[in-house]
Amino acid sequence: LNIIAIENRGDVMDSIRPDYIFRR
């Protein structure tokens, strides 16, 4: 699977860094 975006509380990040830490 390829992550194309991450959303959290309405904020969307479409450039995903390898060191991004997943949040609840």
PDB file of all heavy atoms in Angstrom:
ATOM      1  N   LEU A   1       0.830  -1.202   0.000  1.00  0.00           N
ATOM      2  CA  LEU A   1       0.000   0.000   0.000  1.00  0.00           C
ATOM      3  C   LEU A   1       0.862   1.249   0.000  1.00  0.00           C
ATOM      4  O   LEU A   1       1.884   1.310   0.700  1.00  0.00           O
ATOM      5  CB  LEU A   1      -0.905   0.026   1.238  1.00  0.00           C
ATOM      6  CG  LEU A   1      -1.975  -1.076   1.335  1.00  0.00           C
ATOM      7  CD1 LEU A   1      -2.590  -1.085   2.732  1.00  0.00           C
ATOM      8  CD2 LEU A   1      -3.061  -0.877   0.280  1.00  0.00           C
ATOM      9  N   ASN A   2       0.470   2.240  -0.777  1.00  0.00           N
ATOM     10  CA  ASN A   2       1.169   3.524  -0.802  1.00  0.00           C
ATOM     11  C   ASN A   2       0.323   4.575  -0.097  1.00  0.00           C
ATOM     12  O   ASN A   2      -0.851   4.775  -0.442  1.00  0.00           O
ATOM     13  CB  ASN A   2       1.425   3.970  -2.246  1.00  0.00           C
ATOM     14  CG  ASN A   2       2.413   3.076  -2.950  1.00  0.00           C
ATOM     15  OD1 ASN A   2       3.479   2.766  -2.410  1.00  0.00           O
ATOM     16  ND2 ASN A   2       2.077   2.635  -4.149  1.00  0.00           N
ATOM     17  N   ILE A   3       0.918   5.249   0.881  1.00  0.00           N
ATOM     18  CA  ILE A   3       0.207   6.329   1.573  1.00  0.00           C
ATOM     19  C   ILE A   3       0.280   7.580   0.694  1.00  0.00           C
ATOM     20  O   ILE A   3       1.364   8.061   0.368  1.00  0.00           O
ATOM     21  CB  ILE A   3       0.834   6.627   2.945  1.00  0.00           C
ATOM     22  CG1 ILE A   3       0.831   5.374   3.815  1.00  0.00           C
ATOM     23  CG2 ILE A   3       0.075   7.757   3.642  1.00  0.00           C
ATOM     24  CD1 ILE A   3       1.557   5.551   5.146  1.00  0.00           C
ATOM     25  N   ILE A   4      -0.893   8.098   0.306  1.00  0.00           N
ATOM     26  CA  ILE A   4      -0.898   9.292  -0.544  1.00  0.00           C
ATOM     27  C   ILE A   4      -1.258  10.559   0.237  1.00  0.00           C
ATOM     28  O   ILE A   4      -1.009  11.668  -0.230  1.00  0.00           O
ATOM     29  CB  ILE A   4      -1.841   9.116  -1.746  1.00  0.00           C
ATOM     30  CG1 ILE A   4      -3.260   8.807  -1.298  1.00  0.00           C
ATOM     31  CG2 ILE A   4      -1.332   8.015  -2.662  1.00  0.00           C
ATOM     32  CD1 ILE A   4      -4.244   8.682  -2.450  1.00  0.00           C
ATOM     33  N   ALA A   5      -1.828  10.391   1.433  1.00  0.00           N
ATOM     34  CA  ALA A   5      -2.134  11.556   2.269  1.00  0.00           C
ATOM     35  C   ALA A   5      -2.476  11.081   3.675  1.00  0.00           C
ATOM     36  O   ALA A   5      -2.865   9.922   3.887  1.00  0.00           O
ATOM     37  CB  ALA A   5      -3.290  12.371   1.696  1.00  0.00           C
ATOM     38  N   ILE A   6      -2.297  11.982   4.638  1.00  0.00           N
ATOM     39  CA  ILE A   6      -2.686  11.722   6.022  1.00  0.00           C
ATOM     40  C   ILE A   6      -3.499  12.916   6.510  1.00  0.00           C
ATOM     41  O   ILE A   6      -3.095  14.064   6.347  1.00  0.00           O
ATOM     42  CB  ILE A   6      -1.465  11.510   6.937  1.00  0.00           C
ATOM     43  CG1 ILE A   6      -0.655  10.282   6.480  1.00  0.00           C
ATOM     44  CG2 ILE A   6      -1.900  11.335   8.391  1.00  0.00           C
ATOM     45  CD1 ILE A   6       0.626  10.078   7.265  1.00  0.00           C
ATOM     46  N   GLU A   7      -4.645  12.627   7.122  1.00  0.00           N
ATOM     47  CA  GLU A   7      -5.519  13.679   7.655  1.00  0.00           C
ATOM     48  C   GLU A   7      -5.615  13.532   9.163  1.00  0.00           C
ATOM     49  O   GLU A   7      -5.702  12.428   9.688  1.00  0.00           O
ATOM     50  CB  GLU A   7      -6.908  13.558   7.038  1.00  0.00           C
ATOM     51  CG  GLU A   7      -7.926  14.558   7.571  1.00  0.00           C
ATOM     52  CD  GLU A   7      -9.310  14.335   7.002  1.00  0.00           C
ATOM     53  OE1 GLU A   7      -9.449  13.534   6.052  1.00  0.00           O
ATOM     54  OE2 GLU A   7     -10.269  14.953   7.520  1.00  0.00           O
ATOM     55  N   ASN A   8      -5.564  14.676   9.860  1.00  0.00           N
ATOM     56  CA  ASN A   8      -5.743  14.651  11.308  1.00  0.00           C
ATOM     57  C   ASN A   8      -6.429  15.951  11.723  1.00  0.00           C
ATOM     58  O   ASN A   8      -5.911  17.035  11.500  1.00  0.00           O
ATOM     59  CB  ASN A   8      -4.402  14.494  12.033  1.00  0.00           C
ATOM     60  CG  ASN A   8      -4.586  14.183  13.513  1.00  0.00           C
ATOM     61  OD1 ASN A   8      -5.146  14.971  14.257  1.00  0.00           O
ATOM     62  ND2 ASN A   8      -4.111  13.009  13.927  1.00  0.00           N
ATOM     63  N   ARG A   9      -7.621  15.828  12.281  1.00  0.00           N
ATOM     64  CA  ARG A   9      -8.424  16.969  12.737  1.00  0.00           C
ATOM     65  C   ARG A   9      -8.606  18.022  11.653  1.00  0.00           C
ATOM     66  O   ARG A   9      -8.496  19.232  11.899  1.00  0.00           O
ATOM     67  CB  ARG A   9      -7.786  17.591  13.976  1.00  0.00           C
ATOM     68  CG  ARG A   9      -7.738  16.640  15.171  1.00  0.00           C
ATOM     69  CD  ARG A   9      -7.113  17.281  16.387  1.00  0.00           C
ATOM     70  NE  ARG A   9      -7.060  16.345  17.500  1.00  0.00           N
ATOM     71  CZ  ARG A   9      -6.540  16.646  18.704  1.00  0.00           C
ATOM     72  NH1 ARG A   9      -6.036  17.856  18.910  1.00  0.00           N
ATOM     73  NH2 ARG A   9      -6.539  15.736  19.670  1.00  0.00           N
ATOM     74  N   GLY A  10      -8.867  17.570  10.455  1.00  0.00           N
ATOM     75  CA  GLY A  10      -9.144  18.493   9.357  1.00  0.00           C
ATOM     76  C   GLY A  10      -7.937  18.957   8.578  1.00  0.00           C
ATOM     77  O   GLY A  10      -8.068  19.532   7.495  1.00  0.00           O
ATOM     78  N   ASP A  11      -6.739  18.731   9.119  1.00  0.00           N
ATOM     79  CA  ASP A  11      -5.515  19.094   8.397  1.00  0.00           C
ATOM     80  C   ASP A  11      -5.072  17.909   7.543  1.00  0.00           C
ATOM     81  O   ASP A  11      -4.996  16.781   8.036  1.00  0.00           O
ATOM     82  CB  ASP A  11      -4.395  19.463   9.377  1.00  0.00           C
ATOM     83  CG  ASP A  11      -4.710  20.738  10.164  1.00  0.00           C
ATOM     84  OD1 ASP A  11      -5.374  21.621   9.584  1.00  0.00           O
ATOM     85  OD2 ASP A  11      -4.321  20.824  11.340  1.00  0.00           O
ATOM     86  N   VAL A  12      -4.757  18.188   6.273  1.00  0.00           N
ATOM     87  CA  VAL A  12      -4.348  17.126   5.356  1.00  0.00           C
ATOM     88  C   VAL A  12      -2.913  17.347   4.915  1.00  0.00           C
ATOM     89  O   VAL A  12      -2.547  18.440   4.468  1.00  0.00           O
ATOM     90  CB  VAL A  12      -5.269  17.074   4.119  1.00  0.00           C
ATOM     91  CG1 VAL A  12      -4.805  15.987   3.158  1.00  0.00           C
ATOM     92  CG2 VAL A  12      -6.707  16.814   4.543  1.00  0.00           C
ATOM     93  N   MET A  13      -2.111  16.321   5.055  1.00  0.00           N
ATOM     94  CA  MET A  13      -0.711  16.366   4.637  1.00  0.00           C
ATOM     95  C   MET A  13      -0.544  15.419   3.452  1.00  0.00           C
ATOM     96  O   MET A  13      -0.839  14.230   3.555  1.00  0.00           O
ATOM     97  CB  MET A  13       0.191  15.934   5.801  1.00  0.00           C
ATOM     98  CG  MET A  13       1.676  15.885   5.473  1.00  0.00           C
ATOM     99  SD  MET A  13       2.669  15.552   6.952  1.00  0.00           S
ATOM    100  CE  MET A  13       1.917  14.026   7.531  1.00  0.00           C
ATOM    101  N   ASP A  14      -0.104  15.960   2.293  1.00  0.00           N
ATOM    102  CA  ASP A  14       0.020  15.112   1.107  1.00  0.00           C
ATOM    103  C   ASP A  14       1.469  14.844   0.714  1.00  0.00           C
ATOM    104  O   ASP A  14       1.737  14.229  -0.309  1.00  0.00           O
ATOM    105  CB  ASP A  14      -0.738  15.720  -0.076  1.00  0.00           C
ATOM    106  CG  ASP A  14      -0.259  17.116  -0.427  1.00  0.00           C
ATOM    107  OD1 ASP A  14       0.772  17.550   0.133  1.00  0.00           O
ATOM    108  OD2 ASP A  14      -0.910  17.770  -1.256  1.00  0.00           O
ATOM    109  N   SER A  15       2.392  15.285   1.535  1.00  0.00           N
ATOM    110  CA  SER A  15       3.813  14.964   1.323  1.00  0.00           C
ATOM    111  C   SER A  15       4.288  14.224   2.570  1.00  0.00           C
ATOM    112  O   SER A  15       4.510  14.835   3.623  1.00  0.00           O
ATOM    113  CB  SER A  15       4.630  16.238   1.094  1.00  0.00           C
ATOM    114  OG  SER A  15       6.001  15.937   0.893  1.00  0.00           O
ATOM    115  N   ILE A  16       4.413  12.915   2.462  1.00  0.00           N
ATOM    116  CA  ILE A  16       4.636  12.064   3.640  1.00  0.00           C
ATOM    117  C   ILE A  16       6.116  11.733   3.775  1.00  0.00           C
ATOM    118  O   ILE A  16       6.705  11.075   2.913  1.00  0.00           O
ATOM    119  CB  ILE A  16       3.821  10.758   3.538  1.00  0.00           C
ATOM    120  CG1 ILE A  16       2.376  11.063   3.109  1.00  0.00           C
ATOM    121  CG2 ILE A  16       3.859  10.022   4.861  1.00  0.00           C
ATOM    122  CD1 ILE A  16       1.639  11.987   4.029  1.00  0.00           C
ATOM    123  N   ARG A  17       6.708  12.174   4.883  1.00  0.00           N
ATOM    124  CA  ARG A  17       8.119  11.898   5.134  1.00  0.00           C
ATOM    125  C   ARG A  17       8.281  10.542   5.829  1.00  0.00           C
ATOM    126  O   ARG A  17       7.415  10.132   6.601  1.00  0.00           O
ATOM    127  CB  ARG A  17       8.721  12.997   6.024  1.00  0.00           C
ATOM    128  CG  ARG A  17       8.790  14.358   5.368  1.00  0.00           C
ATOM    129  CD  ARG A  17       9.212  15.403   6.402  1.00  0.00           C
ATOM    130  NE  ARG A  17      10.449  15.012   7.078  1.00  0.00           N
ATOM    131  CZ  ARG A  17      11.666  15.327   6.646  1.00  0.00           C
ATOM    132  NH1 ARG A  17      11.800  16.015   5.522  1.00  0.00           N
ATOM    133  NH2 ARG A  17      12.738  14.950   7.320  1.00  0.00           N
ATOM    134  N   PRO A  18       9.394   9.844   5.558  1.00  0.00           N
ATOM    135  CA  PRO A  18       9.629   8.541   6.206  1.00  0.00           C
ATOM    136  C   PRO A  18       9.685   8.619   7.728  1.00  0.00           C
ATOM    137  O   PRO A  18       9.389   7.637   8.407  1.00  0.00           O
ATOM    138  CB  PRO A  18      10.979   8.094   5.629  1.00  0.00           C
ATOM    139  CG  PRO A  18      11.126   8.868   4.359  1.00  0.00           C
ATOM    140  CD  PRO A  18      10.449  10.182   4.588  1.00  0.00           C
ATOM    141  N   ASP A  19      10.072   9.801   8.268  1.00  0.00           N
ATOM    142  CA  ASP A  19      10.195   9.919   9.719  1.00  0.00           C
ATOM    143  C   ASP A  19       8.912  10.434  10.388  1.00  0.00           C
ATOM    144  O   ASP A  19       8.900  10.713  11.589  1.00  0.00           O
ATOM    145  CB  ASP A  19      11.369  10.826  10.086  1.00  0.00           C
ATOM    146  CG  ASP A  19      11.242  12.236   9.506  1.00  0.00           C
ATOM    147  OD1 ASP A  19      10.272  12.497   8.757  1.00  0.00           O
ATOM    148  OD2 ASP A  19      12.115  13.084   9.792  1.00  0.00           O
ATOM    149  N   TYR A  20       7.825  10.551   9.616  1.00  0.00           N
ATOM    150  CA  TYR A  20       6.563  10.989  10.218  1.00  0.00           C
ATOM    151  C   TYR A  20       6.110   9.959  11.244  1.00  0.00           C
ATOM    152  O   TYR A  20       6.098   8.753  10.988  1.00  0.00           O
ATOM    153  CB  TYR A  20       5.474  11.157   9.150  1.00  0.00           C
ATOM    154  CG  TYR A  20       4.114  11.493   9.742  1.00  0.00           C
ATOM    155  CD1 TYR A  20       3.800  12.800  10.087  1.00  0.00           C
ATOM    156  CD2 TYR A  20       3.177  10.487   9.982  1.00  0.00           C
ATOM    157  CE1 TYR A  20       2.560  13.105  10.655  1.00  0.00           C
ATOM    158  CE2 TYR A  20       1.944  10.785  10.546  1.00  0.00           C
ATOM    159  CZ  TYR A  20       1.627  12.094  10.887  1.00  0.00           C
ATOM    160  OH  TYR A  20       0.421  12.387  11.454  1.00  0.00           O
ATOM    161  N   ILE A  21       5.715  10.434  12.431  1.00  0.00           N
ATOM    162  CA  ILE A  21       5.245   9.558  13.506  1.00  0.00           C
ATOM    163  C   ILE A  21       3.714   9.560  13.507  1.00  0.00           C
ATOM    164  O   ILE A  21       3.086  10.608  13.638  1.00  0.00           O
ATOM    165  CB  ILE A  21       5.763  10.029  14.883  1.00  0.00           C
ATOM    166  CG1 ILE A  21       7.307  10.103  14.879  1.00  0.00           C
ATOM    167  CG2 ILE A  21       5.267   9.088  15.983  1.00  0.00           C
ATOM    168  CD1 ILE A  21       7.991   8.784  14.633  1.00  0.00           C
ATOM    169  N   PHE A  22       3.145   8.397  13.359  1.00  0.00           N
ATOM    170  CA  PHE A  22       1.688   8.285  13.335  1.00  0.00           C
ATOM    171  C   PHE A  22       1.090   8.695  14.676  1.00  0.00           C
ATOM    172  O   PHE A  22       1.607   8.328  15.739  1.00  0.00           O
ATOM    173  CB  PHE A  22       1.262   6.853  13.003  1.00  0.00           C
ATOM    174  CG  PHE A  22       1.590   6.436  11.602  1.00  0.00           C
ATOM    175  CD1 PHE A  22       2.548   5.464  11.352  1.00  0.00           C
ATOM    176  CD2 PHE A  22       0.943   7.036  10.520  1.00  0.00           C
ATOM    177  CE1 PHE A  22       2.851   5.082  10.058  1.00  0.00           C
ATOM    178  CE2 PHE A  22       1.251   6.659   9.217  1.00  0.00           C
ATOM    179  CZ  PHE A  22       2.207   5.688   8.982  1.00  0.00           C
ATOM    180  N   ARG A  23      -0.017   9.461  14.595  1.00  0.00           N
ATOM    181  CA  ARG A  23      -0.678   9.966  15.789  1.00  0.00           C
ATOM    182  C   ARG A  23      -2.078   9.364  15.922  1.00  0.00           C
ATOM    183  O   ARG A  23      -2.695   8.994  14.927  1.00  0.00           O
ATOM    184  CB  ARG A  23      -0.802  11.498  15.729  1.00  0.00           C
ATOM    185  CG  ARG A  23       0.537  12.230  15.667  1.00  0.00           C
ATOM    186  CD  ARG A  23       0.299  13.712  15.458  1.00  0.00           C
ATOM    187  NE  ARG A  23      -0.242  13.992  14.125  1.00  0.00           N
ATOM    188  CZ  ARG A  23      -0.788  15.165  13.764  1.00  0.00           C
ATOM    189  NH1 ARG A  23      -0.883  16.142  14.649  1.00  0.00           N
ATOM    190  NH2 ARG A  23      -1.233  15.331  12.543  1.00  0.00           N
ATOM    191  N   ARG A  24      -2.565   9.316  17.134  1.00  0.00           N
ATOM    192  CA  ARG A  24      -3.937   8.869  17.361  1.00  0.00           C
ATOM    193  C   ARG A  24      -4.891   9.838  16.638  1.00  0.00           C
ATOM    194  O   ARG A  24      -4.737  11.038  16.714  1.00  0.00           O
ATOM    195  CB  ARG A  24      -4.240   8.814  18.850  1.00  0.00           C
ATOM    196  CG  ARG A  24      -5.580   8.204  19.192  1.00  0.00           C
ATOM    197  CD  ARG A  24      -5.693   7.882  20.674  1.00  0.00           C
ATOM    198  NE  ARG A  24      -4.966   6.647  21.027  1.00  0.00           N
ATOM    199  CZ  ARG A  24      -3.783   6.614  21.608  1.00  0.00           C
ATOM    200  NH1 ARG A  24      -3.154   7.736  21.930  1.00  0.00           N
ATOM    201  NH2 ARG A  24      -3.201   5.461  21.891  1.00  0.00           N
TER     202      ARG A  24
END
